[in-house]
């Protein structure tokens, strides 16, 4: 089972589900426009392996059984750039503890952003979470998209706005 948190328009989620019909997916999104677009895509493409959760993803994580997920994707989340709003960022000690609980050993938490501060924030929190390992093979690996990557509309928007560098961080569950 794979979860995508904040799937936006659902481009990545739909592509992954279509490419891996034997795998179950849960997409978490709270915004009506994204939910509506994903429902349309599921119907149009006949994707029978996606379920949608339309509330706060943390609520879903707290209800999942231990070691029940193979992967979790958090792609281009709201960076909440103002310091006073950092508490709203999804990556936190609390959410990482839940992710560590629900991702099976050997599973992966994928995080992508075009905001360097949020990439640094995530790395700083992950290194204090012993259940996860960050082990790129060589320097700069984190700027290479995941295998089979299709740019999300948020990534395309970032590039149009001149934010050309993205961070694709993957953390292995120990």
N, C-alpha and C. Protein backbone atom coordinates (compact mmCIF):
# COMPACT_ATOMS: atom_id res chain seq x y z
N UNK A 1 0.85 -1.17 0.00
CA UNK A 1 0.00 0.00 0.00
C UNK A 1 0.90 1.24 0.00
N UNK A 2 0.51 2.22 -0.82
CA UNK A 2 1.26 3.47 -0.94
C UNK A 2 0.30 4.63 -0.69
N UNK A 3 0.77 5.63 0.06
CA UNK A 3 -0.02 6.82 0.35
C UNK A 3 0.66 8.03 -0.27
N UNK A 4 -0.14 8.90 -0.89
CA UNK A 4 0.36 10.20 -1.32
C UNK A 4 -0.40 11.26 -0.55
N UNK A 5 0.35 12.08 0.15
CA UNK A 5 -0.22 13.13 1.00
C UNK A 5 -0.23 14.43 0.20
N UNK A 6 -1.41 15.03 0.10
CA UNK A 6 -1.54 16.30 -0.62
C UNK A 6 -1.28 16.13 -2.11
N UNK A 7 -2.06 15.31 -2.78
CA UNK A 7 -1.80 14.98 -4.18
C UNK A 7 -2.14 16.09 -5.16
N UNK A 8 -2.72 17.19 -4.69
CA UNK A 8 -3.01 18.31 -5.58
C UNK A 8 -3.96 17.91 -6.69
N UNK A 9 -3.51 18.04 -7.94
CA UNK A 9 -4.33 17.64 -9.08
C UNK A 9 -4.31 16.16 -9.35
N UNK A 10 -3.43 15.44 -8.68
CA UNK A 10 -3.40 13.99 -8.78
C UNK A 10 -2.59 13.41 -9.92
N UNK A 11 -1.79 14.24 -10.59
CA UNK A 11 -1.01 13.75 -11.74
C UNK A 11 -0.09 12.59 -11.34
N UNK A 12 0.67 12.78 -10.28
CA UNK A 12 1.61 11.75 -9.84
C UNK A 12 0.87 10.51 -9.36
N UNK A 13 -0.15 10.69 -8.57
CA UNK A 13 -0.92 9.58 -8.02
C UNK A 13 -1.55 8.75 -9.15
N UNK A 14 -2.15 9.40 -10.12
CA UNK A 14 -2.77 8.68 -11.24
C UNK A 14 -1.74 7.93 -12.07
N UNK A 15 -0.61 8.55 -12.33
CA UNK A 15 0.44 7.90 -13.11
C UNK A 15 0.95 6.66 -12.39
N UNK A 16 1.24 6.78 -11.11
CA UNK A 16 1.73 5.64 -10.34
C UNK A 16 0.70 4.52 -10.28
N UNK A 17 -0.55 4.87 -10.04
CA UNK A 17 -1.61 3.86 -9.97
C UNK A 17 -1.81 3.16 -11.31
N UNK A 18 -1.72 3.90 -12.40
CA UNK A 18 -1.87 3.30 -13.73
C UNK A 18 -0.69 2.39 -14.05
N UNK A 19 0.51 2.79 -13.64
CA UNK A 19 1.71 1.99 -13.92
C UNK A 19 1.85 0.76 -13.01
N UNK A 20 1.13 0.76 -11.88
CA UNK A 20 1.23 -0.34 -10.92
C UNK A 20 -0.17 -0.76 -10.47
N UNK A 21 -0.95 -1.34 -11.37
CA UNK A 21 -2.34 -1.66 -11.04
C UNK A 21 -2.48 -2.72 -9.93
N UNK A 22 -1.41 -3.44 -9.65
CA UNK A 22 -1.46 -4.47 -8.60
C UNK A 22 -1.25 -3.88 -7.20
N UNK A 23 -0.91 -2.60 -7.14
CA UNK A 23 -0.63 -1.93 -5.87
C UNK A 23 -1.79 -1.04 -5.48
N UNK A 24 -2.12 -1.04 -4.20
CA UNK A 24 -3.17 -0.16 -3.70
C UNK A 24 -2.61 1.20 -3.31
N UNK A 25 -3.38 2.24 -3.59
CA UNK A 25 -2.97 3.62 -3.29
C UNK A 25 -4.06 4.32 -2.50
N UNK A 26 -3.62 5.17 -1.57
CA UNK A 26 -4.53 6.06 -0.88
C UNK A 26 -4.03 7.47 -1.14
N UNK A 27 -4.88 8.31 -1.67
CA UNK A 27 -4.54 9.72 -1.88
C UNK A 27 -5.21 10.57 -0.83
N UNK A 28 -4.43 11.42 -0.17
CA UNK A 28 -4.96 12.31 0.87
C UNK A 28 -4.94 13.74 0.34
N UNK A 29 -6.11 14.37 0.35
CA UNK A 29 -6.21 15.75 -0.10
C UNK A 29 -7.42 16.37 0.59
N UNK A 30 -7.32 17.65 0.96
CA UNK A 30 -8.43 18.33 1.61
C UNK A 30 -9.11 19.36 0.72
N UNK A 31 -8.46 19.74 -0.37
CA UNK A 31 -9.02 20.79 -1.21
C UNK A 31 -9.96 20.22 -2.26
N UNK A 32 -11.17 20.79 -2.30
CA UNK A 32 -12.25 20.28 -3.13
C UNK A 32 -11.86 20.20 -4.60
N UNK A 33 -11.15 21.20 -5.12
CA UNK A 33 -10.76 21.18 -6.52
C UNK A 33 -9.89 19.99 -6.86
N UNK A 34 -8.91 19.70 -6.01
CA UNK A 34 -8.05 18.54 -6.23
C UNK A 34 -8.80 17.23 -6.11
N UNK A 35 -9.70 17.16 -5.13
CA UNK A 35 -10.50 15.95 -4.95
C UNK A 35 -11.36 15.71 -6.19
N UNK A 36 -12.03 16.77 -6.65
CA UNK A 36 -12.89 16.65 -7.84
C UNK A 36 -12.11 16.22 -9.07
N UNK A 37 -10.94 16.80 -9.26
CA UNK A 37 -10.12 16.43 -10.42
C UNK A 37 -9.68 14.97 -10.32
N UNK A 38 -9.33 14.52 -9.12
CA UNK A 38 -8.89 13.14 -8.94
C UNK A 38 -10.04 12.17 -9.17
N UNK A 39 -11.23 12.50 -8.69
CA UNK A 39 -12.40 11.65 -8.93
C UNK A 39 -12.65 11.51 -10.43
N UNK A 40 -12.55 12.61 -11.16
CA UNK A 40 -12.73 12.57 -12.61
C UNK A 40 -11.66 11.69 -13.27
N UNK A 41 -10.42 11.83 -12.84
CA UNK A 41 -9.33 11.04 -13.41
C UNK A 41 -9.51 9.56 -13.13
N UNK A 42 -9.90 9.23 -11.91
CA UNK A 42 -10.14 7.83 -11.55
C UNK A 42 -11.20 7.23 -12.46
N UNK A 43 -12.29 7.96 -12.67
CA UNK A 43 -13.37 7.47 -13.52
C UNK A 43 -12.94 7.38 -14.98
N UNK A 44 -12.29 8.42 -15.48
CA UNK A 44 -11.90 8.46 -16.89
C UNK A 44 -10.87 7.39 -17.24
N UNK A 45 -9.96 7.12 -16.31
CA UNK A 45 -8.89 6.15 -16.58
C UNK A 45 -9.19 4.76 -16.02
N UNK A 46 -10.32 4.61 -15.36
CA UNK A 46 -10.69 3.32 -14.80
C UNK A 46 -9.72 2.82 -13.75
N UNK A 47 -9.22 3.72 -12.92
CA UNK A 47 -8.25 3.36 -11.88
C UNK A 47 -8.98 2.77 -10.68
N UNK A 48 -8.90 1.48 -10.53
CA UNK A 48 -9.62 0.79 -9.45
C UNK A 48 -8.77 0.58 -8.21
N UNK A 49 -7.51 1.00 -8.25
CA UNK A 49 -6.60 0.76 -7.13
C UNK A 49 -6.30 2.01 -6.31
N UNK A 50 -7.15 3.03 -6.43
CA UNK A 50 -6.97 4.27 -5.65
C UNK A 50 -8.19 4.47 -4.75
N UNK A 51 -7.91 4.80 -3.51
CA UNK A 51 -8.93 5.24 -2.57
C UNK A 51 -8.55 6.63 -2.13
N UNK A 52 -9.55 7.46 -1.85
CA UNK A 52 -9.29 8.84 -1.45
C UNK A 52 -9.68 9.07 0.01
N UNK A 53 -8.83 9.82 0.70
CA UNK A 53 -9.08 10.24 2.07
C UNK A 53 -9.15 11.75 2.02
N UNK A 54 -10.28 12.33 2.38
CA UNK A 54 -10.52 13.76 2.17
C UNK A 54 -10.47 14.58 3.46
N UNK A 55 -9.60 14.17 4.35
CA UNK A 55 -9.42 14.89 5.61
C UNK A 55 -7.91 15.00 5.85
N UNK A 56 -7.52 15.55 6.96
CA UNK A 56 -6.12 15.72 7.33
C UNK A 56 -5.40 14.37 7.28
N UNK A 57 -4.32 14.30 6.53
CA UNK A 57 -3.57 13.05 6.36
C UNK A 57 -3.07 12.49 7.69
N UNK A 58 -2.79 13.34 8.64
CA UNK A 58 -2.32 12.86 9.93
C UNK A 58 -3.38 11.97 10.59
N UNK A 59 -4.64 12.31 10.41
CA UNK A 59 -5.72 11.48 10.96
C UNK A 59 -5.68 10.08 10.36
N UNK A 60 -5.43 9.99 9.07
CA UNK A 60 -5.31 8.68 8.42
C UNK A 60 -4.13 7.91 9.01
N UNK A 61 -2.98 8.56 9.10
CA UNK A 61 -1.79 7.89 9.61
C UNK A 61 -2.03 7.30 11.00
N UNK A 62 -2.72 8.04 11.85
CA UNK A 62 -2.93 7.55 13.22
C UNK A 62 -3.85 6.34 13.27
N UNK A 63 -4.64 6.12 12.23
CA UNK A 63 -5.57 4.98 12.20
C UNK A 63 -5.00 3.76 11.48
N UNK A 64 -3.91 3.92 10.76
CA UNK A 64 -3.34 2.79 10.02
C UNK A 64 -2.60 1.83 10.96
N UNK A 65 -2.61 0.54 10.63
CA UNK A 65 -1.86 -0.42 11.44
C UNK A 65 -0.35 -0.21 11.30
N UNK A 66 0.39 -0.68 12.27
CA UNK A 66 1.85 -0.62 12.23
C UNK A 66 2.36 -1.31 10.97
N UNK A 67 3.41 -0.75 10.38
CA UNK A 67 4.11 -1.35 9.24
C UNK A 67 3.17 -1.75 8.10
N UNK A 68 2.16 -0.92 7.84
CA UNK A 68 1.17 -1.25 6.81
C UNK A 68 1.43 -0.60 5.46
N UNK A 69 2.41 0.30 5.38
CA UNK A 69 2.67 1.02 4.14
C UNK A 69 4.05 0.68 3.58
N UNK A 70 4.12 0.61 2.26
CA UNK A 70 5.40 0.39 1.58
C UNK A 70 6.10 1.72 1.30
N UNK A 71 5.30 2.73 0.95
CA UNK A 71 5.87 4.03 0.61
C UNK A 71 4.87 5.12 0.97
N UNK A 72 5.41 6.31 1.22
CA UNK A 72 4.61 7.52 1.40
C UNK A 72 5.27 8.62 0.59
N UNK A 73 4.46 9.35 -0.17
CA UNK A 73 4.94 10.49 -0.95
C UNK A 73 4.36 11.78 -0.36
N UNK A 74 5.21 12.78 -0.20
CA UNK A 74 4.81 14.14 0.17
C UNK A 74 5.52 15.04 -0.84
N UNK A 75 4.79 15.45 -1.87
CA UNK A 75 5.40 16.15 -3.00
C UNK A 75 4.95 17.61 -3.05
N UNK A 76 5.90 18.49 -2.98
CA UNK A 76 5.65 19.93 -3.06
C UNK A 76 4.57 20.40 -2.08
N UNK A 77 4.75 20.08 -0.80
CA UNK A 77 3.77 20.55 0.19
C UNK A 77 3.89 22.05 0.39
N UNK A 78 2.86 22.64 0.94
CA UNK A 78 2.90 24.06 1.27
C UNK A 78 4.08 24.29 2.21
N UNK A 79 5.01 25.17 1.85
CA UNK A 79 6.20 25.37 2.69
C UNK A 79 5.97 26.24 3.91
N UNK A 80 4.82 26.90 3.99
CA UNK A 80 4.57 27.79 5.11
C UNK A 80 5.84 28.59 5.40
N UNK A 81 6.22 29.51 4.50
CA UNK A 81 7.53 30.16 4.59
C UNK A 81 7.73 31.11 5.77
N UNK A 82 6.65 31.68 6.31
CA UNK A 82 6.82 32.59 7.44
C UNK A 82 7.14 31.78 8.70
N UNK A 83 8.11 32.27 9.46
CA UNK A 83 8.55 31.56 10.66
C UNK A 83 7.38 31.27 11.60
N UNK A 84 6.49 32.21 11.74
CA UNK A 84 5.36 32.00 12.67
C UNK A 84 4.42 30.89 12.19
N UNK A 85 4.54 30.49 10.91
CA UNK A 85 3.69 29.44 10.37
C UNK A 85 4.39 28.08 10.26
N UNK A 86 5.67 28.01 10.63
CA UNK A 86 6.41 26.75 10.50
C UNK A 86 5.74 25.60 11.23
N UNK A 87 5.00 25.91 12.29
CA UNK A 87 4.31 24.85 13.03
C UNK A 87 3.26 24.15 12.18
N UNK A 88 2.87 24.76 11.06
CA UNK A 88 1.88 24.16 10.16
C UNK A 88 2.50 23.21 9.14
N UNK A 89 3.82 23.22 9.03
CA UNK A 89 4.47 22.33 8.07
C UNK A 89 4.17 20.87 8.41
N UNK A 90 3.96 20.07 7.38
CA UNK A 90 3.60 18.67 7.62
C UNK A 90 4.72 17.91 8.30
N UNK A 91 5.95 18.15 7.87
CA UNK A 91 7.08 17.43 8.47
C UNK A 91 7.36 18.01 9.84
N UNK A 92 7.22 17.13 10.84
CA UNK A 92 7.45 17.51 12.24
C UNK A 92 7.82 16.25 13.00
N UNK A 93 8.33 16.39 14.21
CA UNK A 93 8.61 15.18 15.00
C UNK A 93 7.38 14.28 15.18
N UNK A 94 6.21 14.89 15.32
CA UNK A 94 4.99 14.12 15.51
C UNK A 94 4.62 13.32 14.27
N UNK A 95 4.64 13.98 13.11
CA UNK A 95 4.27 13.25 11.89
C UNK A 95 5.34 12.23 11.51
N UNK A 96 6.60 12.55 11.74
CA UNK A 96 7.66 11.58 11.44
C UNK A 96 7.54 10.34 12.32
N UNK A 97 7.13 10.52 13.56
CA UNK A 97 6.92 9.37 14.45
C UNK A 97 5.81 8.47 13.91
N UNK A 98 4.73 9.08 13.41
CA UNK A 98 3.65 8.28 12.83
C UNK A 98 4.09 7.62 11.53
N UNK A 99 4.82 8.35 10.70
CA UNK A 99 5.33 7.75 9.47
C UNK A 99 6.25 6.57 9.78
N UNK A 100 7.09 6.72 10.78
CA UNK A 100 7.99 5.62 11.17
C UNK A 100 7.19 4.41 11.65
N UNK A 101 6.09 4.66 12.28
CA UNK A 101 5.26 3.57 12.78
C UNK A 101 4.55 2.83 11.64
N UNK A 102 4.02 3.57 10.66
CA UNK A 102 3.19 2.94 9.62
C UNK A 102 3.97 2.46 8.40
N UNK A 103 5.17 2.98 8.17
CA UNK A 103 5.97 2.51 7.04
C UNK A 103 6.74 1.27 7.50
N UNK A 104 6.64 0.21 6.74
CA UNK A 104 7.31 -1.05 7.09
C UNK A 104 8.83 -0.86 7.00
N UNK A 105 9.60 -1.64 7.75
CA UNK A 105 11.06 -1.60 7.59
C UNK A 105 11.43 -1.89 6.13
N UNK A 106 12.29 -1.07 5.59
CA UNK A 106 12.66 -1.18 4.18
C UNK A 106 11.80 -0.31 3.28
N UNK A 107 10.70 0.22 3.83
CA UNK A 107 9.84 1.12 3.07
C UNK A 107 10.48 2.49 2.95
N UNK A 108 9.84 3.38 2.19
CA UNK A 108 10.47 4.67 1.90
C UNK A 108 9.47 5.82 2.06
N UNK A 109 9.97 6.91 2.63
CA UNK A 109 9.26 8.19 2.68
C UNK A 109 9.92 9.11 1.66
N UNK A 110 9.15 9.53 0.65
CA UNK A 110 9.66 10.42 -0.40
C UNK A 110 9.14 11.84 -0.14
N UNK A 111 10.04 12.80 -0.25
CA UNK A 111 9.69 14.20 -0.04
C UNK A 111 10.29 15.01 -1.18
N UNK A 112 9.50 15.86 -1.82
CA UNK A 112 10.03 16.72 -2.88
C UNK A 112 9.56 18.16 -2.65
N UNK A 113 10.47 19.09 -2.90
CA UNK A 113 10.16 20.50 -2.75
C UNK A 113 11.10 21.32 -3.63
N UNK A 114 10.70 22.52 -3.94
CA UNK A 114 11.58 23.46 -4.64
C UNK A 114 12.03 24.56 -3.68
N UNK A 115 11.69 24.42 -2.42
CA UNK A 115 12.03 25.42 -1.40
C UNK A 115 13.19 24.88 -0.57
N UNK A 116 14.37 25.46 -0.73
CA UNK A 116 15.56 24.95 -0.05
C UNK A 116 15.38 24.94 1.47
N UNK A 117 14.75 25.97 2.01
CA UNK A 117 14.54 26.02 3.45
C UNK A 117 13.72 24.82 3.93
N UNK A 118 12.70 24.41 3.15
CA UNK A 118 11.89 23.27 3.56
C UNK A 118 12.66 21.96 3.40
N UNK A 119 13.51 21.87 2.39
CA UNK A 119 14.38 20.70 2.24
C UNK A 119 15.31 20.59 3.45
N UNK A 120 15.91 21.71 3.84
CA UNK A 120 16.79 21.72 5.02
C UNK A 120 16.03 21.39 6.29
N UNK A 121 14.84 21.94 6.43
CA UNK A 121 13.96 21.66 7.58
C UNK A 121 13.70 20.16 7.69
N UNK A 122 13.35 19.56 6.55
CA UNK A 122 13.03 18.13 6.52
C UNK A 122 14.25 17.30 6.89
N UNK A 123 15.39 17.62 6.30
CA UNK A 123 16.62 16.89 6.63
C UNK A 123 16.96 17.02 8.11
N UNK A 124 16.82 18.22 8.65
CA UNK A 124 17.13 18.44 10.07
C UNK A 124 16.23 17.59 10.97
N UNK A 125 14.98 17.42 10.59
CA UNK A 125 14.07 16.60 11.39
C UNK A 125 14.34 15.11 11.19
N UNK A 126 14.64 14.72 9.97
CA UNK A 126 14.89 13.30 9.67
C UNK A 126 16.13 12.79 10.41
N UNK A 127 17.20 13.58 10.43
CA UNK A 127 18.43 13.10 11.08
C UNK A 127 18.23 12.90 12.59
N UNK A 128 17.19 13.49 13.14
CA UNK A 128 16.87 13.28 14.56
C UNK A 128 15.82 12.18 14.75
N UNK A 129 15.51 11.49 13.66
CA UNK A 129 14.52 10.40 13.70
C UNK A 129 15.25 9.13 13.34
N UNK A 130 15.70 8.36 14.33
CA UNK A 130 16.56 7.20 14.05
C UNK A 130 15.90 6.10 13.23
N UNK A 131 14.58 6.12 13.12
CA UNK A 131 13.90 5.09 12.32
C UNK A 131 14.08 5.29 10.82
N UNK A 132 14.59 6.46 10.40
CA UNK A 132 14.80 6.75 8.98
C UNK A 132 16.27 6.97 8.69
N UNK A 133 16.68 6.56 7.49
CA UNK A 133 18.05 6.79 7.03
C UNK A 133 18.01 7.56 5.72
N UNK A 134 18.90 8.53 5.62
CA UNK A 134 19.09 9.28 4.38
C UNK A 134 20.47 8.93 3.88
N UNK A 135 20.53 8.21 2.79
CA UNK A 135 21.82 7.71 2.30
C UNK A 135 21.93 7.85 0.78
N UNK A 136 22.09 9.10 0.30
CA UNK A 136 22.27 9.25 -1.14
C UNK A 136 23.57 8.57 -1.58
N UNK A 137 23.57 8.08 -2.82
CA UNK A 137 24.75 7.38 -3.33
C UNK A 137 25.89 8.33 -3.63
N UNK A 138 25.56 9.56 -4.06
CA UNK A 138 26.61 10.54 -4.35
C UNK A 138 26.05 11.95 -4.14
N UNK A 139 26.93 12.92 -3.94
CA UNK A 139 26.46 14.29 -3.75
C UNK A 139 25.62 14.74 -4.93
N UNK A 140 24.55 15.44 -4.63
CA UNK A 140 23.68 15.95 -5.67
C UNK A 140 22.58 15.01 -6.10
N UNK A 141 22.61 13.77 -5.61
CA UNK A 141 21.55 12.81 -5.95
C UNK A 141 20.16 13.38 -5.65
N UNK A 142 20.09 14.19 -4.62
CA UNK A 142 18.80 14.73 -4.18
C UNK A 142 18.22 15.74 -5.16
N UNK A 143 18.98 16.13 -6.19
CA UNK A 143 18.44 17.02 -7.22
C UNK A 143 17.93 16.24 -8.43
N UNK A 144 18.08 14.93 -8.41
CA UNK A 144 17.60 14.08 -9.51
C UNK A 144 16.22 13.54 -9.17
N UNK A 145 15.26 13.71 -10.09
CA UNK A 145 13.92 13.18 -9.83
C UNK A 145 13.93 11.67 -9.62
N UNK A 146 12.90 11.19 -8.95
CA UNK A 146 12.75 9.76 -8.72
C UNK A 146 12.62 9.04 -10.06
N UNK A 147 12.99 7.77 -10.14
CA UNK A 147 12.81 7.00 -11.39
C UNK A 147 11.36 7.06 -11.84
N UNK A 148 11.15 7.29 -13.13
CA UNK A 148 9.81 7.36 -13.69
C UNK A 148 9.05 8.64 -13.35
N UNK A 149 9.77 9.63 -12.86
CA UNK A 149 9.14 10.88 -12.40
C UNK A 149 8.45 11.63 -13.53
N UNK A 150 7.27 12.12 -13.25
CA UNK A 150 6.57 13.06 -14.11
C UNK A 150 6.36 14.31 -13.29
N UNK A 151 6.78 15.45 -13.80
CA UNK A 151 6.68 16.69 -13.04
C UNK A 151 5.24 16.98 -12.65
N UNK A 152 5.05 17.39 -11.40
CA UNK A 152 3.72 17.79 -10.95
C UNK A 152 3.43 19.21 -11.44
N UNK A 153 2.19 19.60 -11.37
CA UNK A 153 1.87 20.96 -11.81
C UNK A 153 2.51 21.99 -10.89
N UNK A 154 2.73 21.63 -9.60
CA UNK A 154 3.40 22.55 -8.68
C UNK A 154 4.87 22.71 -9.06
N UNK A 155 5.49 21.62 -9.48
CA UNK A 155 6.87 21.70 -9.94
C UNK A 155 6.96 22.54 -11.20
N UNK A 156 6.04 22.35 -12.13
CA UNK A 156 6.03 23.14 -13.36
C UNK A 156 5.84 24.62 -13.05
N UNK A 157 4.96 24.92 -12.09
CA UNK A 157 4.73 26.31 -11.68
C UNK A 157 6.01 26.90 -11.09
N UNK A 158 6.70 26.14 -10.25
CA UNK A 158 7.94 26.62 -9.64
C UNK A 158 8.97 26.95 -10.71
N UNK A 159 9.08 26.11 -11.72
CA UNK A 159 10.04 26.36 -12.81
C UNK A 159 9.67 27.61 -13.60
N UNK A 160 8.36 27.79 -13.84
CA UNK A 160 7.91 29.00 -14.55
C UNK A 160 8.26 30.25 -13.73
N UNK A 161 8.24 30.12 -12.42
CA UNK A 161 8.54 31.26 -11.54
C UNK A 161 10.03 31.41 -11.27
N UNK A 162 10.86 30.59 -11.94
CA UNK A 162 12.30 30.73 -11.83
C UNK A 162 12.96 29.92 -10.73
N UNK A 163 12.19 29.11 -10.03
CA UNK A 163 12.78 28.24 -9.00
C UNK A 163 13.15 26.94 -9.70
N UNK A 164 14.38 26.88 -10.19
CA UNK A 164 14.81 25.80 -11.07
C UNK A 164 15.35 24.58 -10.33
N UNK A 165 15.69 24.74 -9.08
CA UNK A 165 16.28 23.62 -8.35
C UNK A 165 15.22 22.98 -7.46
N UNK A 166 15.08 21.68 -7.62
CA UNK A 166 14.17 20.92 -6.77
C UNK A 166 14.97 19.93 -5.95
N UNK A 167 14.38 19.50 -4.87
CA UNK A 167 14.99 18.52 -3.98
C UNK A 167 14.08 17.30 -3.93
N UNK A 168 14.64 16.14 -4.24
CA UNK A 168 13.90 14.87 -4.23
C UNK A 168 14.58 13.99 -3.18
N UNK A 169 14.05 14.03 -1.98
CA UNK A 169 14.67 13.35 -0.86
C UNK A 169 13.90 12.05 -0.57
N UNK A 170 14.64 10.97 -0.41
CA UNK A 170 14.04 9.69 -0.06
C UNK A 170 14.70 9.18 1.22
N UNK A 171 13.86 8.72 2.13
CA UNK A 171 14.32 8.28 3.44
C UNK A 171 13.86 6.84 3.65
N UNK A 172 14.82 5.95 3.85
CA UNK A 172 14.54 4.53 4.05
C UNK A 172 14.16 4.29 5.51
N UNK A 173 13.10 3.54 5.69
CA UNK A 173 12.67 3.15 7.05
C UNK A 173 13.57 1.99 7.50
N UNK A 174 14.31 2.21 8.58
CA UNK A 174 15.24 1.20 9.09
C UNK A 174 14.50 0.02 9.71
